[in-house]
N, C-alpha and C. Protein backbone atom coordinates (compact mmCIF):
# COMPACT_ATOMS: atom_id res chain seq x y z
N MET A 1 7.22 -7.73 -15.71
CA MET A 1 5.87 -7.31 -15.98
C MET A 1 5.65 -5.93 -15.36
N LYS A 2 4.88 -5.10 -16.04
CA LYS A 2 4.59 -3.76 -15.54
C LYS A 2 3.09 -3.63 -15.33
N ILE A 3 2.69 -3.07 -14.20
CA ILE A 3 1.28 -2.89 -13.85
C ILE A 3 0.95 -1.40 -13.92
N ARG A 4 -0.11 -1.07 -14.64
CA ARG A 4 -0.58 0.32 -14.74
C ARG A 4 -2.02 0.37 -14.23
N PRO A 5 -2.25 0.95 -13.05
CA PRO A 5 -3.61 1.02 -12.52
C PRO A 5 -4.50 1.88 -13.41
N LEU A 6 -5.79 1.57 -13.40
CA LEU A 6 -6.76 2.32 -14.18
C LEU A 6 -7.63 3.18 -13.26
N ALA A 7 -8.22 4.22 -13.85
CA ALA A 7 -9.16 5.12 -13.17
C ALA A 7 -8.58 5.65 -11.86
N ASP A 8 -9.28 5.46 -10.75
CA ASP A 8 -8.85 6.01 -9.46
C ASP A 8 -8.13 4.97 -8.61
N ARG A 9 -7.47 4.01 -9.25
CA ARG A 9 -6.76 2.96 -8.52
C ARG A 9 -5.31 3.35 -8.28
N VAL A 10 -4.72 2.79 -7.22
CA VAL A 10 -3.34 3.06 -6.83
C VAL A 10 -2.66 1.72 -6.53
N LEU A 11 -1.48 1.50 -7.08
CA LEU A 11 -0.69 0.30 -6.81
C LEU A 11 0.29 0.63 -5.70
N VAL A 12 0.25 -0.15 -4.61
CA VAL A 12 1.14 0.10 -3.48
C VAL A 12 1.88 -1.18 -3.10
N LYS A 13 3.03 -0.99 -2.46
CA LYS A 13 3.80 -2.11 -1.92
C LYS A 13 3.85 -1.92 -0.41
N GLN A 14 3.39 -2.94 0.31
CA GLN A 14 3.34 -2.84 1.77
C GLN A 14 4.73 -2.71 2.37
N VAL A 15 4.80 -1.91 3.43
CA VAL A 15 6.03 -1.75 4.20
C VAL A 15 6.11 -2.94 5.15
N GLU A 16 7.28 -3.54 5.25
CA GLU A 16 7.46 -4.69 6.13
C GLU A 16 7.23 -4.30 7.59
N ALA A 17 6.54 -5.16 8.32
CA ALA A 17 6.30 -4.93 9.75
C ALA A 17 7.59 -5.12 10.52
N GLU A 18 7.73 -4.38 11.59
CA GLU A 18 8.91 -4.50 12.45
C GLU A 18 8.92 -5.89 13.08
N SER A 19 10.06 -6.56 13.04
CA SER A 19 10.15 -7.89 13.61
C SER A 19 10.77 -7.88 15.01
N LYS A 20 11.10 -6.69 15.49
CA LYS A 20 11.71 -6.57 16.81
C LYS A 20 11.13 -5.33 17.50
N THR A 21 10.81 -5.47 18.78
CA THR A 21 10.28 -4.33 19.54
C THR A 21 11.42 -3.40 19.94
N ALA A 22 11.07 -2.25 20.47
CA ALA A 22 12.08 -1.28 20.91
C ALA A 22 12.97 -1.85 22.01
N SER A 23 12.42 -2.77 22.82
CA SER A 23 13.21 -3.35 23.89
C SER A 23 14.02 -4.57 23.45
N GLY A 24 13.92 -4.94 22.15
CA GLY A 24 14.74 -6.03 21.62
C GLY A 24 14.06 -7.37 21.53
N ILE A 25 12.77 -7.45 21.85
CA ILE A 25 12.04 -8.72 21.77
C ILE A 25 11.70 -9.00 20.31
N ILE A 26 12.04 -10.20 19.85
CA ILE A 26 11.77 -10.59 18.47
C ILE A 26 10.35 -11.13 18.35
N ILE A 27 9.60 -10.62 17.39
CA ILE A 27 8.21 -11.03 17.18
C ILE A 27 8.19 -12.01 16.00
N PRO A 28 7.69 -13.24 16.19
CA PRO A 28 7.63 -14.19 15.08
C PRO A 28 6.66 -13.70 13.99
N ALA A 29 6.91 -14.08 12.74
CA ALA A 29 6.09 -13.64 11.61
C ALA A 29 4.62 -13.98 11.78
N GLN A 30 4.31 -15.13 12.37
CA GLN A 30 2.92 -15.54 12.55
C GLN A 30 2.17 -14.63 13.52
N ALA A 31 2.87 -14.02 14.46
CA ALA A 31 2.24 -13.18 15.48
C ALA A 31 2.14 -11.71 15.06
N GLN A 32 2.81 -11.35 13.96
CA GLN A 32 2.80 -9.96 13.53
C GLN A 32 1.48 -9.63 12.85
N GLU A 33 0.96 -8.47 13.18
CA GLU A 33 -0.25 -8.00 12.52
C GLU A 33 0.13 -7.37 11.19
N LYS A 34 -0.71 -7.58 10.18
CA LYS A 34 -0.46 -7.01 8.86
C LYS A 34 -0.42 -5.49 8.96
N THR A 35 0.63 -4.89 8.43
CA THR A 35 0.75 -3.44 8.47
C THR A 35 -0.20 -2.79 7.48
N GLN A 36 -0.63 -1.58 7.77
CA GLN A 36 -1.49 -0.85 6.86
C GLN A 36 -0.73 0.34 6.29
N GLU A 37 0.58 0.23 6.25
CA GLU A 37 1.42 1.28 5.70
C GLU A 37 2.04 0.75 4.41
N ALA A 38 2.09 1.61 3.39
CA ALA A 38 2.60 1.18 2.09
C ALA A 38 3.25 2.34 1.36
N VAL A 39 4.00 2.01 0.32
CA VAL A 39 4.62 3.00 -0.55
C VAL A 39 3.92 2.93 -1.90
N VAL A 40 3.53 4.09 -2.43
CA VAL A 40 2.84 4.15 -3.73
C VAL A 40 3.84 3.83 -4.83
N GLU A 41 3.52 2.83 -5.65
CA GLU A 41 4.38 2.41 -6.75
C GLU A 41 3.90 2.97 -8.09
N ALA A 42 2.59 3.10 -8.26
CA ALA A 42 2.01 3.63 -9.50
C ALA A 42 0.61 4.12 -9.22
N VAL A 43 0.16 5.08 -10.01
CA VAL A 43 -1.20 5.61 -9.85
C VAL A 43 -1.91 5.62 -11.20
N GLY A 44 -3.23 5.50 -11.15
CA GLY A 44 -4.03 5.60 -12.35
C GLY A 44 -4.21 7.05 -12.76
N PRO A 45 -4.86 7.30 -13.89
CA PRO A 45 -5.04 8.67 -14.37
C PRO A 45 -6.09 9.45 -13.59
N GLY A 46 -6.89 8.77 -12.77
CA GLY A 46 -7.96 9.44 -12.05
C GLY A 46 -9.19 9.58 -12.92
N THR A 47 -10.23 10.13 -12.36
CA THR A 47 -11.45 10.40 -13.11
C THR A 47 -11.82 11.86 -12.90
N GLU A 48 -12.76 12.34 -13.67
CA GLU A 48 -13.19 13.72 -13.53
C GLU A 48 -13.77 13.95 -12.14
N LYS A 49 -14.50 12.95 -11.64
CA LYS A 49 -15.12 13.04 -10.32
C LYS A 49 -14.12 12.83 -9.18
N ASP A 50 -13.10 12.02 -9.42
CA ASP A 50 -12.14 11.64 -8.37
C ASP A 50 -10.71 11.73 -8.90
N PRO A 51 -10.13 12.94 -8.97
CA PRO A 51 -8.75 13.08 -9.46
C PRO A 51 -7.75 12.47 -8.46
N ILE A 52 -6.63 11.99 -8.97
CA ILE A 52 -5.60 11.38 -8.14
C ILE A 52 -4.82 12.47 -7.41
N ILE A 53 -4.67 12.32 -6.09
CA ILE A 53 -3.94 13.32 -5.30
C ILE A 53 -2.67 12.75 -4.66
N VAL A 54 -2.47 11.43 -4.73
CA VAL A 54 -1.23 10.85 -4.20
C VAL A 54 -0.24 10.69 -5.35
N LYS A 55 1.06 10.65 -5.00
CA LYS A 55 2.10 10.55 -6.01
C LYS A 55 2.97 9.33 -5.75
N LYS A 56 3.61 8.87 -6.81
CA LYS A 56 4.53 7.74 -6.70
C LYS A 56 5.62 8.08 -5.69
N GLY A 57 5.93 7.12 -4.81
CA GLY A 57 6.97 7.29 -3.81
C GLY A 57 6.46 7.73 -2.45
N GLU A 58 5.22 8.22 -2.36
CA GLU A 58 4.68 8.65 -1.08
C GLU A 58 4.34 7.44 -0.20
N ARG A 59 4.51 7.63 1.11
CA ARG A 59 4.11 6.60 2.09
C ARG A 59 2.70 6.92 2.53
N VAL A 60 1.85 5.91 2.53
CA VAL A 60 0.44 6.12 2.85
C VAL A 60 -0.05 5.10 3.86
N LEU A 61 -1.16 5.42 4.52
CA LEU A 61 -1.88 4.50 5.38
C LEU A 61 -3.20 4.20 4.69
N TYR A 62 -3.66 2.94 4.76
CA TYR A 62 -4.89 2.57 4.08
C TYR A 62 -5.77 1.74 5.00
N ASP A 63 -7.07 1.64 4.64
CA ASP A 63 -8.02 0.85 5.42
C ASP A 63 -7.55 -0.60 5.52
N LYS A 64 -7.79 -1.21 6.66
CA LYS A 64 -7.28 -2.55 6.97
C LYS A 64 -7.69 -3.64 5.98
N TYR A 65 -8.95 -3.69 5.60
CA TYR A 65 -9.42 -4.80 4.77
C TYR A 65 -9.69 -4.37 3.33
N SER A 66 -8.98 -3.40 2.83
CA SER A 66 -9.23 -2.89 1.49
C SER A 66 -8.22 -3.43 0.48
N GLY A 67 -8.58 -3.30 -0.79
CA GLY A 67 -7.66 -3.62 -1.87
C GLY A 67 -7.67 -5.06 -2.32
N THR A 68 -6.94 -5.28 -3.41
CA THR A 68 -6.78 -6.60 -4.01
C THR A 68 -5.30 -6.94 -4.02
N SER A 69 -4.93 -8.06 -3.43
CA SER A 69 -3.52 -8.48 -3.39
C SER A 69 -3.14 -9.12 -4.72
N ILE A 70 -1.96 -8.76 -5.21
CA ILE A 70 -1.42 -9.38 -6.42
C ILE A 70 0.06 -9.68 -6.20
N LYS A 71 0.59 -10.60 -6.98
CA LYS A 71 2.01 -10.93 -6.92
C LYS A 71 2.59 -10.71 -8.31
N VAL A 72 3.63 -9.88 -8.40
CA VAL A 72 4.28 -9.56 -9.66
C VAL A 72 5.77 -9.82 -9.51
N ASP A 73 6.31 -10.70 -10.34
CA ASP A 73 7.73 -11.03 -10.31
C ASP A 73 8.21 -11.40 -8.91
N GLY A 74 7.38 -12.13 -8.16
CA GLY A 74 7.74 -12.60 -6.83
C GLY A 74 7.52 -11.60 -5.71
N ALA A 75 7.09 -10.38 -6.03
CA ALA A 75 6.85 -9.36 -5.01
C ALA A 75 5.34 -9.18 -4.81
N ASP A 76 4.93 -8.93 -3.57
CA ASP A 76 3.52 -8.73 -3.26
C ASP A 76 3.15 -7.25 -3.33
N TYR A 77 2.04 -6.98 -4.00
CA TYR A 77 1.52 -5.62 -4.14
C TYR A 77 0.05 -5.62 -3.79
N LEU A 78 -0.50 -4.43 -3.67
CA LEU A 78 -1.91 -4.25 -3.37
C LEU A 78 -2.44 -3.17 -4.29
N ILE A 79 -3.60 -3.42 -4.91
CA ILE A 79 -4.26 -2.40 -5.72
C ILE A 79 -5.43 -1.87 -4.90
N LEU A 80 -5.39 -0.56 -4.64
CA LEU A 80 -6.40 0.10 -3.81
C LEU A 80 -7.16 1.14 -4.62
N LYS A 81 -8.38 1.43 -4.21
CA LYS A 81 -9.05 2.62 -4.70
C LYS A 81 -8.45 3.78 -3.91
N GLN A 82 -8.35 4.92 -4.54
CA GLN A 82 -7.77 6.05 -3.83
C GLN A 82 -8.57 6.38 -2.57
N SER A 83 -9.86 6.15 -2.59
CA SER A 83 -10.70 6.44 -1.41
C SER A 83 -10.38 5.54 -0.22
N ASP A 84 -9.67 4.41 -0.44
CA ASP A 84 -9.25 3.54 0.64
C ASP A 84 -8.01 4.05 1.37
N ILE A 85 -7.33 5.02 0.76
CA ILE A 85 -6.15 5.61 1.40
C ILE A 85 -6.64 6.67 2.38
N ILE A 86 -6.21 6.52 3.64
CA ILE A 86 -6.74 7.41 4.68
C ILE A 86 -5.77 8.52 5.08
N ALA A 87 -4.47 8.38 4.74
CA ALA A 87 -3.52 9.43 5.10
C ALA A 87 -2.23 9.26 4.32
N VAL A 88 -1.52 10.38 4.14
CA VAL A 88 -0.18 10.38 3.56
C VAL A 88 0.78 10.68 4.70
N ILE A 89 1.83 9.89 4.83
CA ILE A 89 2.82 10.08 5.89
C ILE A 89 3.90 11.02 5.37
N GLU A 90 4.11 12.11 6.08
CA GLU A 90 5.11 13.10 5.67
C GLU A 90 6.31 13.09 6.58
């Protein structure tokens, strides 16, 4: 299945949280906080008022409680409004 976001929406795939600290302590999945870092998988065409400025493949940070979670072919994705993206990681 292929997902194509509409208007100013962006489809992202969350980056997996680190399961081990720098000192080697393993963090169980239940104790890990949900990461707010993701990779852009697809972007909508934008609107005249809000053109799309992120590109496919960029790593981004987004607001903690934003977006709609979806599952496609067994993988988890998030559909965000572009305004929910707070930074691009370079």
